[in-house]
Amino acid sequence: MKRFATALLASVLLASPVFALDSTQAKKDVATATAAPAKAAPADAKKAPALMDINSATAKQLATLDGIGEARSAAIVKGRPYSGKDDLVNKKILTQEVYDKIKDQIIAKQKK
């Protein structure tokens, strides 16, 4: 009697949509799990945006940076040349807060 009850319970559970295993879905799951991982994009496809040179960019280009408007971009142009991008703070052209927003977007190239 105990075996019959266990068998009956198992058949009910397996027939239930919650517990039934769809063989098509199972095959897809196995195929997905064993598929080769997608190749990573080549390094040059993930290029970082070009850095803006504070020694050569126009005031209009500089004004596109976060926190830099017409007045600050004009001050950057007027304060040239810069030996390093941190000169923007050292020469009191920008506050540290504004500089922190744009420091990863700029560079100060030197003339050769």
N, C-alpha and C. Protein backbone atom coordinates (compact mmCIF):
# COMPACT_ATOMS: atom_id res chain seq x y z
N MET A 1 0.82 -1.18 0.00
CA MET A 1 0.00 0.00 0.00
C MET A 1 0.87 1.25 0.00
N LYS A 2 1.97 1.20 0.75
CA LYS A 2 2.86 2.35 0.82
C LYS A 2 3.51 2.61 -0.54
N ARG A 3 3.89 1.54 -1.24
CA ARG A 3 4.48 1.69 -2.57
C ARG A 3 3.47 2.30 -3.54
N PHE A 4 2.23 1.86 -3.44
CA PHE A 4 1.19 2.37 -4.32
C PHE A 4 1.01 3.87 -4.11
N ALA A 5 0.99 4.31 -2.85
CA ALA A 5 0.81 5.73 -2.53
C ALA A 5 1.98 6.55 -3.06
N THR A 6 3.19 6.02 -2.91
CA THR A 6 4.38 6.71 -3.40
C THR A 6 4.35 6.82 -4.92
N ALA A 7 3.97 5.73 -5.59
CA ALA A 7 3.89 5.72 -7.04
C ALA A 7 2.81 6.68 -7.53
N LEU A 8 1.69 6.70 -6.85
CA LEU A 8 0.59 7.59 -7.22
C LEU A 8 1.02 9.05 -7.05
N LEU A 9 1.67 9.36 -5.96
CA LEU A 9 2.13 10.73 -5.71
C LEU A 9 3.15 11.14 -6.77
N ALA A 10 4.06 10.26 -7.10
CA ALA A 10 5.07 10.56 -8.11
C ALA A 10 4.43 10.80 -9.46
N SER A 11 3.44 10.00 -9.84
CA SER A 11 2.80 10.18 -11.15
C SER A 11 2.01 11.48 -11.19
N VAL A 12 1.39 11.85 -10.08
CA VAL A 12 0.65 13.12 -10.04
C VAL A 12 1.61 14.30 -10.17
N LEU A 13 2.71 14.22 -9.46
CA LEU A 13 3.67 15.32 -9.51
C LEU A 13 4.30 15.45 -10.90
N LEU A 14 4.65 14.33 -11.51
CA LEU A 14 5.26 14.38 -12.83
C LEU A 14 4.28 14.82 -13.90
N ALA A 15 3.01 14.56 -13.70
CA ALA A 15 2.00 14.98 -14.68
C ALA A 15 1.62 16.44 -14.50
N SER A 16 1.92 16.99 -13.36
CA SER A 16 1.60 18.39 -13.08
C SER A 16 2.44 19.30 -13.96
N PRO A 17 1.84 20.37 -14.52
CA PRO A 17 2.60 21.27 -15.39
C PRO A 17 3.77 21.95 -14.66
N VAL A 18 3.66 22.09 -13.36
CA VAL A 18 4.73 22.73 -12.61
C VAL A 18 5.97 21.84 -12.58
N PHE A 19 5.77 20.55 -12.45
CA PHE A 19 6.89 19.63 -12.32
C PHE A 19 7.23 18.88 -13.59
N ALA A 20 6.37 18.96 -14.60
CA ALA A 20 6.63 18.23 -15.84
C ALA A 20 7.84 18.83 -16.53
N LEU A 21 8.67 17.98 -17.09
CA LEU A 21 9.86 18.43 -17.78
C LEU A 21 9.61 18.39 -19.27
N ASP A 22 9.55 19.54 -19.87
CA ASP A 22 9.36 19.64 -21.31
C ASP A 22 10.68 19.28 -21.97
N SER A 23 10.70 18.23 -22.75
CA SER A 23 11.95 17.75 -23.33
C SER A 23 12.54 18.76 -24.30
N THR A 24 11.71 19.51 -25.00
CA THR A 24 12.21 20.52 -25.93
C THR A 24 12.96 21.60 -25.15
N GLN A 25 12.35 22.07 -24.07
CA GLN A 25 13.00 23.09 -23.25
C GLN A 25 14.25 22.55 -22.60
N ALA A 26 14.21 21.30 -22.17
CA ALA A 26 15.39 20.70 -21.55
C ALA A 26 16.55 20.64 -22.54
N LYS A 27 16.26 20.32 -23.79
CA LYS A 27 17.31 20.26 -24.81
C LYS A 27 17.89 21.66 -25.04
N LYS A 28 17.01 22.68 -25.06
CA LYS A 28 17.49 24.05 -25.25
C LYS A 28 18.37 24.48 -24.08
N ASP A 29 17.95 24.09 -22.86
CA ASP A 29 18.73 24.45 -21.68
C ASP A 29 20.12 23.81 -21.73
N VAL A 30 20.17 22.55 -22.14
CA VAL A 30 21.44 21.85 -22.23
C VAL A 30 22.30 22.49 -23.31
N ALA A 31 21.69 22.81 -24.47
CA ALA A 31 22.44 23.43 -25.56
C ALA A 31 23.00 24.79 -25.13
N THR A 32 22.20 25.56 -24.42
CA THR A 32 22.65 26.87 -23.96
C THR A 32 23.79 26.74 -22.96
N ALA A 33 23.67 25.79 -22.06
CA ALA A 33 24.68 25.62 -21.02
C ALA A 33 26.00 25.12 -21.59
N THR A 34 25.94 24.34 -22.67
CA THR A 34 27.16 23.77 -23.22
C THR A 34 27.71 24.55 -24.40
N ALA A 35 26.98 25.55 -24.85
CA ALA A 35 27.45 26.34 -25.99
C ALA A 35 28.71 27.09 -25.62
N ALA A 36 29.56 27.30 -26.60
CA ALA A 36 30.80 28.05 -26.36
C ALA A 36 30.45 29.50 -26.05
N PRO A 37 31.17 30.10 -25.13
CA PRO A 37 30.88 31.50 -24.81
C PRO A 37 31.16 32.40 -26.01
N ALA A 38 30.40 33.48 -26.10
CA ALA A 38 30.57 34.40 -27.21
C ALA A 38 31.95 35.02 -27.14
N LYS A 39 32.53 35.26 -28.30
CA LYS A 39 33.86 35.88 -28.33
C LYS A 39 33.75 37.32 -27.89
N ALA A 40 34.74 37.75 -27.17
CA ALA A 40 34.78 39.14 -26.73
C ALA A 40 35.09 40.02 -27.93
N ALA A 41 34.58 41.22 -27.89
CA ALA A 41 34.84 42.16 -28.98
C ALA A 41 36.33 42.51 -28.98
N PRO A 42 36.89 42.75 -30.15
CA PRO A 42 38.29 43.14 -30.21
C PRO A 42 38.54 44.41 -29.40
N ALA A 43 39.73 44.55 -28.91
CA ALA A 43 40.06 45.70 -28.05
C ALA A 43 39.82 47.02 -28.75
N ASP A 44 40.10 47.09 -30.05
CA ASP A 44 39.91 48.36 -30.75
C ASP A 44 38.44 48.70 -30.95
N ALA A 45 37.54 47.72 -30.80
CA ALA A 45 36.11 47.99 -30.93
C ALA A 45 35.58 48.69 -29.69
N LYS A 46 36.30 48.58 -28.59
CA LYS A 46 35.88 49.20 -27.33
C LYS A 46 36.72 50.44 -27.05
N LYS A 47 37.06 51.20 -28.04
CA LYS A 47 37.91 52.38 -27.84
C LYS A 47 37.23 53.38 -26.93
N ALA A 48 38.02 53.93 -26.05
CA ALA A 48 37.53 54.99 -25.18
C ALA A 48 37.41 56.26 -26.02
N PRO A 49 36.50 57.13 -25.63
CA PRO A 49 36.38 58.38 -26.38
C PRO A 49 37.70 59.14 -26.35
N ALA A 50 37.96 59.87 -27.41
CA ALA A 50 39.21 60.63 -27.51
C ALA A 50 39.25 61.70 -26.43
N LEU A 51 40.43 61.91 -25.88
CA LEU A 51 40.61 62.95 -24.87
C LEU A 51 40.72 64.31 -25.56
N MET A 52 40.14 65.32 -24.94
CA MET A 52 40.19 66.67 -25.49
C MET A 52 41.44 67.37 -24.96
N ASP A 53 42.24 67.89 -25.88
CA ASP A 53 43.47 68.59 -25.53
C ASP A 53 43.15 70.02 -25.13
N ILE A 54 43.40 70.36 -23.87
CA ILE A 54 43.08 71.71 -23.39
C ILE A 54 44.02 72.77 -23.95
N ASN A 55 45.12 72.35 -24.55
CA ASN A 55 46.04 73.30 -25.17
C ASN A 55 45.70 73.62 -26.62
N SER A 56 44.82 72.84 -27.23
CA SER A 56 44.51 73.10 -28.64
C SER A 56 43.02 73.13 -28.97
N ALA A 57 42.17 72.68 -28.07
CA ALA A 57 40.73 72.66 -28.35
C ALA A 57 40.18 74.09 -28.41
N THR A 58 39.17 74.27 -29.22
CA THR A 58 38.53 75.58 -29.32
C THR A 58 37.65 75.81 -28.10
N ALA A 59 37.31 77.06 -27.87
CA ALA A 59 36.43 77.39 -26.75
C ALA A 59 35.08 76.68 -26.91
N LYS A 60 34.62 76.57 -28.15
CA LYS A 60 33.34 75.90 -28.41
C LYS A 60 33.43 74.41 -28.06
N GLN A 61 34.55 73.78 -28.38
CA GLN A 61 34.74 72.36 -28.04
C GLN A 61 34.83 72.18 -26.52
N LEU A 62 35.58 73.05 -25.86
CA LEU A 62 35.73 72.96 -24.41
C LEU A 62 34.39 73.15 -23.69
N ALA A 63 33.52 73.99 -24.25
CA ALA A 63 32.22 74.26 -23.64
C ALA A 63 31.31 73.03 -23.63
N THR A 64 31.65 72.00 -24.40
CA THR A 64 30.83 70.78 -24.42
C THR A 64 31.12 69.87 -23.23
N LEU A 65 32.18 70.14 -22.50
CA LEU A 65 32.52 69.34 -21.32
C LEU A 65 31.56 69.65 -20.19
N ASP A 66 31.31 68.65 -19.34
CA ASP A 66 30.38 68.79 -18.22
C ASP A 66 30.86 69.87 -17.25
N GLY A 67 30.03 70.87 -17.00
CA GLY A 67 30.37 71.94 -16.06
C GLY A 67 31.15 73.08 -16.66
N ILE A 68 31.45 73.00 -17.95
CA ILE A 68 32.21 74.06 -18.63
C ILE A 68 31.27 74.78 -19.58
N GLY A 69 31.09 76.04 -19.34
CA GLY A 69 30.26 76.85 -20.23
C GLY A 69 31.14 77.80 -21.03
N GLU A 70 30.52 78.82 -21.60
CA GLU A 70 31.26 79.78 -22.43
C GLU A 70 32.34 80.53 -21.63
N ALA A 71 31.99 80.97 -20.42
CA ALA A 71 32.95 81.75 -19.61
C ALA A 71 34.16 80.90 -19.21
N ARG A 72 33.90 79.69 -18.74
CA ARG A 72 35.03 78.84 -18.33
C ARG A 72 35.87 78.39 -19.52
N SER A 73 35.22 78.11 -20.64
CA SER A 73 36.00 77.69 -21.81
C SER A 73 36.88 78.84 -22.30
N ALA A 74 36.36 80.07 -22.24
CA ALA A 74 37.16 81.24 -22.63
C ALA A 74 38.34 81.42 -21.67
N ALA A 75 38.12 81.17 -20.38
CA ALA A 75 39.20 81.28 -19.39
C ALA A 75 40.26 80.20 -19.63
N ILE A 76 39.84 79.01 -20.02
CA ILE A 76 40.80 77.94 -20.32
C ILE A 76 41.68 78.34 -21.50
N VAL A 77 41.06 78.87 -22.55
CA VAL A 77 41.82 79.29 -23.73
C VAL A 77 42.79 80.42 -23.36
N LYS A 78 42.33 81.37 -22.57
CA LYS A 78 43.15 82.52 -22.18
C LYS A 78 44.35 82.10 -21.31
N GLY A 79 44.20 81.04 -20.52
CA GLY A 79 45.25 80.62 -19.59
C GLY A 79 46.32 79.71 -20.20
N ARG A 80 46.25 79.46 -21.48
CA ARG A 80 47.22 78.57 -22.13
C ARG A 80 48.60 79.16 -22.16
N PRO A 81 49.62 78.37 -22.24
CA PRO A 81 49.67 76.91 -22.34
C PRO A 81 49.66 76.27 -20.95
N TYR A 82 49.26 75.00 -20.92
CA TYR A 82 49.22 74.22 -19.70
C TYR A 82 50.26 73.11 -19.80
N SER A 83 51.03 72.92 -18.73
CA SER A 83 52.03 71.84 -18.74
C SER A 83 51.39 70.51 -18.33
N GLY A 84 50.26 70.58 -17.67
CA GLY A 84 49.50 69.40 -17.27
C GLY A 84 48.06 69.79 -17.06
N LYS A 85 47.18 68.82 -17.11
CA LYS A 85 45.75 69.16 -16.99
C LYS A 85 45.39 69.69 -15.61
N ASP A 86 46.19 69.33 -14.59
CA ASP A 86 45.92 69.85 -13.26
C ASP A 86 46.25 71.34 -13.12
N ASP A 87 46.90 71.91 -14.13
CA ASP A 87 47.13 73.36 -14.14
C ASP A 87 45.82 74.14 -14.14
N LEU A 88 44.75 73.52 -14.59
CA LEU A 88 43.45 74.20 -14.59
C LEU A 88 43.05 74.58 -13.16
N VAL A 89 43.40 73.74 -12.20
CA VAL A 89 43.12 74.03 -10.79
C VAL A 89 44.23 74.89 -10.21
N ASN A 90 45.49 74.54 -10.54
CA ASN A 90 46.63 75.28 -9.99
C ASN A 90 46.61 76.76 -10.38
N LYS A 91 46.16 77.05 -11.60
CA LYS A 91 46.07 78.43 -12.07
C LYS A 91 44.73 79.08 -11.74
N LYS A 92 43.92 78.35 -10.97
CA LYS A 92 42.60 78.81 -10.53
C LYS A 92 41.65 79.13 -11.69
N ILE A 93 41.77 78.35 -12.76
CA ILE A 93 40.85 78.48 -13.89
C ILE A 93 39.55 77.75 -13.56
N LEU A 94 39.69 76.57 -12.93
CA LEU A 94 38.53 75.76 -12.52
C LEU A 94 38.62 75.44 -11.05
N THR A 95 37.46 75.19 -10.45
CA THR A 95 37.43 74.70 -9.07
C THR A 95 37.77 73.20 -9.10
N GLN A 96 38.16 72.68 -7.97
CA GLN A 96 38.48 71.25 -7.88
C GLN A 96 37.26 70.40 -8.24
N GLU A 97 36.08 70.84 -7.85
CA GLU A 97 34.84 70.10 -8.12
C GLU A 97 34.59 69.97 -9.63
N VAL A 98 34.74 71.06 -10.35
CA VAL A 98 34.53 71.03 -11.80
C VAL A 98 35.63 70.21 -12.47
N TYR A 99 36.86 70.40 -12.01
CA TYR A 99 37.99 69.63 -12.57
C TYR A 99 37.76 68.13 -12.39
N ASP A 100 37.27 67.72 -11.22
CA ASP A 100 37.02 66.30 -10.97
C ASP A 100 36.00 65.71 -11.94
N LYS A 101 35.07 66.53 -12.41
CA LYS A 101 34.06 66.06 -13.38
C LYS A 101 34.66 65.79 -14.76
N ILE A 102 35.68 66.56 -15.13
CA ILE A 102 36.18 66.47 -16.51
C ILE A 102 37.58 65.88 -16.64
N LYS A 103 38.26 65.61 -15.54
CA LYS A 103 39.67 65.20 -15.60
C LYS A 103 39.91 63.94 -16.43
N ASP A 104 38.93 63.05 -16.51
CA ASP A 104 39.09 61.83 -17.30
C ASP A 104 38.77 62.05 -18.78
N GLN A 105 38.38 63.26 -19.14
CA GLN A 105 38.01 63.57 -20.52
C GLN A 105 39.01 64.49 -21.21
N ILE A 106 40.00 64.96 -20.46
CA ILE A 106 40.93 65.95 -21.03
C ILE A 106 42.38 65.49 -20.92
N ILE A 107 43.22 66.18 -21.68
CA ILE A 107 44.66 65.96 -21.67
C ILE A 107 45.32 67.30 -22.00
N ALA A 108 46.57 67.46 -21.59
CA ALA A 108 47.32 68.68 -21.92
C ALA A 108 48.55 68.26 -22.71
N LYS A 109 48.41 68.20 -24.01
CA LYS A 109 49.55 67.81 -24.87
C LYS A 109 50.52 68.97 -24.97
N GLN A 110 51.79 68.62 -25.09
CA GLN A 110 52.84 69.63 -25.20
C GLN A 110 53.27 69.77 -26.66
N LYS A 111 53.57 71.00 -27.05
CA LYS A 111 54.08 71.24 -28.40
C LYS A 111 55.49 70.69 -28.49
N LYS A 112 55.83 70.17 -29.65
CA LYS A 112 57.17 69.61 -29.85
C LYS A 112 58.06 70.62 -30.50
